PDB file of N, CA and C in Angstrom:
ATOM      1  N   LYS A   1      27.906 -14.386 -33.006  1.00  0.00           N
ATOM      2  CA  LYS A   1      27.373 -13.043 -33.141  1.00  0.00           C
ATOM      3  C   LYS A   1      25.852 -13.078 -33.322  1.00  0.00           C
ATOM      4  N   HIS A   2      25.386 -13.982 -34.142  1.00  0.00           N
ATOM      5  CA  HIS A   2      23.941 -14.116 -34.358  1.00  0.00           C
ATOM      6  C   HIS A   2      23.254 -14.539 -33.063  1.00  0.00           C
ATOM      7  N   TYR A   3      23.892 -15.449 -32.330  1.00  0.00           N
ATOM      8  CA  TYR A   3      23.318 -15.931 -31.070  1.00  0.00           C
ATOM      9  C   TYR A   3      23.167 -14.792 -30.063  1.00  0.00           C
ATOM     10  N   LEU A   4      24.190 -13.951 -29.952  1.00  0.00           N
ATOM     11  CA  LEU A   4      24.133 -12.852 -28.991  1.00  0.00           C
ATOM     12  C   LEU A   4      23.026 -11.862 -29.350  1.00  0.00           C
ATOM     13  N   HIS A   5      22.863 -11.602 -30.642  1.00  0.00           N
ATOM     14  CA  HIS A   5      21.797 -10.699 -31.089  1.00  0.00           C
ATOM     15  C   HIS A   5      20.432 -11.303 -30.771  1.00  0.00           C
ATOM     16  N   LEU A   6      20.273 -12.580 -31.053  1.00  0.00           N
ATOM     17  CA  LEU A   6      19.010 -13.266 -30.776  1.00  0.00           C
ATOM     18  C   LEU A   6      18.728 -13.280 -29.271  1.00  0.00           C
ATOM     19  N   ARG A   7      19.744 -13.563 -28.489  1.00  0.00           N
ATOM     20  CA  ARG A   7      19.590 -13.608 -27.036  1.00  0.00           C
ATOM     21  C   ARG A   7      19.183 -12.240 -26.482  1.00  0.00           C
ATOM     22  N   ALA A   8      19.803 -11.188 -26.989  1.00  0.00           N
ATOM     23  CA  ALA A   8      19.459  -9.838 -26.538  1.00  0.00           C
ATOM     24  C   ALA A   8      18.003  -9.518 -26.864  1.00  0.00           C
ATOM     25  N   ASN A   9      17.551  -9.913 -28.043  1.00  0.00           N
ATOM     26  CA  ASN A   9      16.155  -9.671 -28.417  1.00  0.00           C
ATOM     27  C   ASN A   9      15.197 -10.460 -27.535  1.00  0.00           C
ATOM     28  N   VAL A  10      15.542 -11.699 -27.231  1.00  0.00           N
ATOM     29  CA  VAL A  10      14.692 -12.532 -26.379  1.00  0.00           C
ATOM     30  C   VAL A  10      14.584 -11.915 -24.987  1.00  0.00           C
ATOM     31  N   ILE A  11      15.699 -11.478 -24.445  1.00  0.00           N
ATOM     32  CA  ILE A  11      15.695 -10.863 -23.119  1.00  0.00           C
ATOM     33  C   ILE A  11      14.860  -9.585 -23.129  1.00  0.00           C
ATOM     34  N   PHE A  12      14.966  -8.795 -24.200  1.00  0.00           N
ATOM     35  CA  PHE A  12      14.178  -7.568 -24.324  1.00  0.00           C
ATOM     36  C   PHE A  12      12.686  -7.876 -24.316  1.00  0.00           C
ATOM     37  N   VAL A  13      12.288  -8.875 -25.099  1.00  0.00           N
ATOM     38  CA  VAL A  13      10.873  -9.242 -25.173  1.00  0.00           C
ATOM     39  C   VAL A  13      10.396  -9.782 -23.828  1.00  0.00           C
ATOM     40  N   GLN A  14      11.208 -10.597 -23.175  1.00  0.00           N
ATOM     41  CA  GLN A  14      10.831 -11.148 -21.871  1.00  0.00           C
ATOM     42  C   GLN A  14      10.631 -10.045 -20.840  1.00  0.00           C
ATOM     43  N   ARG A  15      11.526  -9.070 -20.836  1.00  0.00           N
ATOM     44  CA  ARG A  15      11.402  -7.969 -19.873  1.00  0.00           C
ATOM     45  C   ARG A  15      10.123  -7.185 -20.102  1.00  0.00           C
ATOM     46  N   ARG A  16       9.810  -6.911 -21.371  1.00  0.00           N
ATOM     47  CA  ARG A  16       8.580  -6.166 -21.663  1.00  0.00           C
ATOM     48  C   ARG A  16       7.352  -6.971 -21.276  1.00  0.00           C
ATOM     49  N   TYR A  17       7.367  -8.278 -21.557  1.00  0.00           N
ATOM     50  CA  TYR A  17       6.222  -9.127 -21.220  1.00  0.00           C
ATOM     51  C   TYR A  17       6.023  -9.200 -19.706  1.00  0.00           C
ATOM     52  N   ARG A  18       7.116  -9.374 -18.983  1.00  0.00           N
ATOM     53  CA  ARG A  18       7.012  -9.462 -17.523  1.00  0.00           C
ATOM     54  C   ARG A  18       6.550  -8.142 -16.920  1.00  0.00           C
ATOM     55  N   ALA A  19       7.021  -7.030 -17.471  1.00  0.00           N
ATOM     56  CA  ALA A  19       6.577  -5.725 -16.982  1.00  0.00           C
ATOM     57  C   ALA A  19       5.087  -5.546 -17.247  1.00  0.00           C
ATOM     58  N   LEU A  20       4.634  -5.937 -18.433  1.00  0.00           N
ATOM     59  CA  LEU A  20       3.217  -5.822 -18.776  1.00  0.00           C
ATOM     60  C   LEU A  20       2.371  -6.697 -17.866  1.00  0.00           C
ATOM     61  N   THR A  21       2.835  -7.912 -17.604  1.00  0.00           N
ATOM     62  CA  THR A  21       2.112  -8.822 -16.720  1.00  0.00           C
ATOM     63  C   THR A  21       2.017  -8.241 -15.309  1.00  0.00           C
ATOM     64  N   ALA A  22       3.100  -7.650 -14.829  1.00  0.00           N
ATOM     65  CA  ALA A  22       3.097  -7.053 -13.493  1.00  0.00           C
ATOM     66  C   ALA A  22       2.115  -5.883 -13.423  1.00  0.00           C
ATOM     67  N   VAL A  23       2.080  -5.070 -14.471  1.00  0.00           N
ATOM     68  CA  VAL A  23       1.161  -3.926 -14.495  1.00  0.00           C
ATOM     69  C   VAL A  23      -0.278  -4.412 -14.509  1.00  0.00           C
ATOM     70  N   ARG A  24      -0.557  -5.445 -15.293  1.00  0.00           N
ATOM     71  CA  ARG A  24      -1.917  -5.986 -15.337  1.00  0.00           C
ATOM     72  C   ARG A  24      -2.331  -6.527 -13.977  1.00  0.00           C
ATOM     73  N   THR A  25      -1.430  -7.254 -13.329  1.00  0.00           N
ATOM     74  CA  THR A  25      -1.728  -7.799 -12.005  1.00  0.00           C
ATOM     75  C   THR A  25      -2.017  -6.670 -11.020  1.00  0.00           C
ATOM     76  N   GLN A  26      -1.202  -5.623 -11.063  1.00  0.00           N
ATOM     77  CA  GLN A  26      -1.402  -4.482 -10.169  1.00  0.00           C
ATOM     78  C   GLN A  26      -2.736  -3.801 -10.445  1.00  0.00           C
ATOM     79  N   ALA A  27      -3.115  -3.711 -11.722  1.00  0.00           N
ATOM     80  CA  ALA A  27      -4.391  -3.089 -12.076  1.00  0.00           C
ATOM     81  C   ALA A  27      -5.558  -3.904 -11.534  1.00  0.00           C
ATOM     82  N   VAL A  28      -5.454  -5.224 -11.621  1.00  0.00           N
ATOM     83  CA  VAL A  28      -6.517  -6.090 -11.109  1.00  0.00           C
ATOM     84  C   VAL A  28      -6.640  -5.937  -9.597  1.00  0.00           C
ATOM     85  N   VAL A  29      -5.517  -5.904  -8.907  1.00  0.00           N
ATOM     86  CA  VAL A  29      -5.528  -5.756  -7.450  1.00  0.00           C
ATOM     87  C   VAL A  29      -6.157  -4.420  -7.065  1.00  0.00           C
ATOM     88  N   CYS A  30      -5.806  -3.363  -7.782  1.00  0.00           N
ATOM     89  CA  CYS A  30      -6.353  -2.035  -7.499  1.00  0.00           C
ATOM     90  C   CYS A  30      -7.861  -2.016  -7.737  1.00  0.00           C
ATOM     91  N   THR A  31      -8.304  -2.625  -8.829  1.00  0.00           N
ATOM     92  CA  THR A  31      -9.733  -2.668  -9.146  1.00  0.00           C
ATOM     93  C   THR A  31     -10.494  -3.452  -8.087  1.00  0.00           C
ATOM     94  N   GLN A  32      -9.974  -4.602  -7.699  1.00  0.00           N
ATOM     95  CA  GLN A  32     -10.631  -5.418  -6.681  1.00  0.00           C
ATOM     96  C   GLN A  32     -10.701  -4.671  -5.352  1.00  0.00           C
ATOM     97  N   SER A  33      -9.622  -3.989  -5.009  1.00  0.00           N
ATOM     98  CA  SER A  33      -9.573  -3.258  -3.750  1.00  0.00           C
ATOM     99  C   SER A  33     -10.628  -2.156  -3.712  1.00  0.00           C
ATOM    100  N   SER A  34     -10.730  -1.403  -4.790  1.00  0.00           N
ATOM    101  CA  SER A  34     -11.710  -0.313  -4.800  1.00  0.00           C
ATOM    102  C   SER A  34     -13.129  -0.860  -4.800  1.00  0.00           C
ATOM    103  N   TYR A  35     -13.359  -1.966  -5.505  1.00  0.00           N
ATOM    104  CA  TYR A  35     -14.697  -2.562  -5.532  1.00  0.00           C
ATOM    105  C   TYR A  35     -15.096  -3.059  -4.139  1.00  0.00           C
ATOM    106  N   ARG A  36     -14.174  -3.760  -3.491  1.00  0.00           N
ATOM    107  CA  ARG A  36     -14.470  -4.282  -2.150  1.00  0.00           C
ATOM    108  C   ARG A  36     -14.700  -3.143  -1.161  1.00  0.00           C
ATOM    109  N   SER A  37     -13.911  -2.086  -1.270  1.00  0.00           N
ATOM    110  CA  SER A  37     -14.085  -0.935  -0.395  1.00  0.00           C
ATOM    111  C   SER A  37     -15.462  -0.318  -0.589  1.00  0.00           C
ATOM    112  N   CYS A  38     -15.883  -0.204  -1.832  1.00  0.00           N
ATOM    113  CA  CYS A  38     -17.204   0.353  -2.138  1.00  0.00           C
ATOM    114  C   CYS A  38     -18.299  -0.532  -1.550  1.00  0.00           C
ATOM    115  N   LYS A  39     -18.156  -1.844  -1.691  1.00  0.00           N
ATOM    116  CA  LYS A  39     -19.163  -2.764  -1.165  1.00  0.00           C
ATOM    117  C   LYS A  39     -19.220  -2.709   0.364  1.00  0.00           C
ATOM    118  N   VAL A  40     -18.074  -2.577   1.015  1.00  0.00           N
ATOM    119  CA  VAL A  40     -18.042  -2.502   2.474  1.00  0.00           C
ATOM    120  C   VAL A  40     -18.737  -1.227   2.942  1.00  0.00           C
ATOM    121  N   GLN A  41     -18.458  -0.107   2.282  1.00  0.00           N
ATOM    122  CA  GLN A  41     -19.115   1.149   2.654  1.00  0.00           C
ATOM    123  C   GLN A  41     -20.625   1.039   2.470  1.00  0.00           C
ATOM    124  N   GLU A  42     -21.037   0.426   1.371  1.00  0.00           N
ATOM    125  CA  GLU A  42     -22.459   0.231   1.100  1.00  0.00           C
ATOM    126  C   GLU A  42     -23.098  -0.630   2.192  1.00  0.00           C
ATOM    127  N   ASP A  43     -22.405  -1.692   2.576  1.00  0.00           N
ATOM    128  CA  ASP A  43     -22.906  -2.594   3.613  1.00  0.00           C
ATOM    129  C   ASP A  43     -23.003  -1.874   4.959  1.00  0.00           C
ATOM    130  N   MET A  44     -21.994  -1.059   5.273  1.00  0.00           N
ATOM    131  CA  MET A  44     -22.012  -0.322   6.539  1.00  0.00           C
ATOM    132  C   MET A  44     -23.166   0.680   6.569  1.00  0.00           C
ATOM    133  N   GLN A  45     -23.417   1.352   5.463  1.00  0.00           N
ATOM    134  CA  GLN A  45     -24.542   2.291   5.403  1.00  0.00           C
ATOM    135  C   GLN A  45     -25.857   1.550   5.609  1.00  0.00           C
ATOM    136  N   HIS A  46     -25.969   0.386   5.009  1.00  0.00           N
ATOM    137  CA  HIS A  46     -27.177  -0.424   5.156  1.00  0.00           C
ATOM    138  C   HIS A  46     -27.374  -0.826   6.621  1.00  0.00           C
ATOM    139  N   ARG A  47     -26.293  -1.236   7.276  1.00  0.00           N
ATOM    140  CA  ARG A  47     -26.383  -1.638   8.687  1.00  0.00           C
ATOM    141  C   ARG A  47     -26.731  -0.451   9.590  1.00  0.00           C
ATOM    142  N   HIS A  48     -26.185   0.724   9.277  1.00  0.00           N
ATOM    143  CA  HIS A  48     -26.500   1.904  10.086  1.00  0.00           C
ATOM    144  C   HIS A  48     -27.974   2.272   9.942  1.00  0.00           C
ATOM    145  N   ARG A  49     -28.491   2.146   8.725  1.00  0.00           N
ATOM    146  CA  ARG A  49     -29.905   2.447   8.511  1.00  0.00           C
ATOM    147  C   ARG A  49     -30.796   1.441   9.233  1.00  0.00           C
ATOM    148  N   ALA A  50     -30.340   0.197   9.319  1.00  0.00           N
ATOM    149  CA  ALA A  50     -31.137  -0.860   9.944  1.00  0.00           C
ATOM    150  C   ALA A  50     -31.109  -0.742  11.474  1.00  0.00           C
ATOM    151  N   ALA A  51     -30.056  -0.153  12.006  1.00  0.00           N
ATOM    152  CA  ALA A  51     -29.910  -0.083  13.473  1.00  0.00           C
ATOM    153  C   ALA A  51     -30.859   0.921  14.099  1.00  0.00           C
TER     154      ALA A  51
END
């Protein structure tokens, strides 16, 4: 009985940790994507001005 309770708690903590890790990874990808998009637009504007 004690083992099952402990196991359930471990699984609960693991699920929350994995969900948090996935959200953090997604946030990093979103941030990188928006930053790169901004830099590309900036670069394109610079090239248009130079042309």
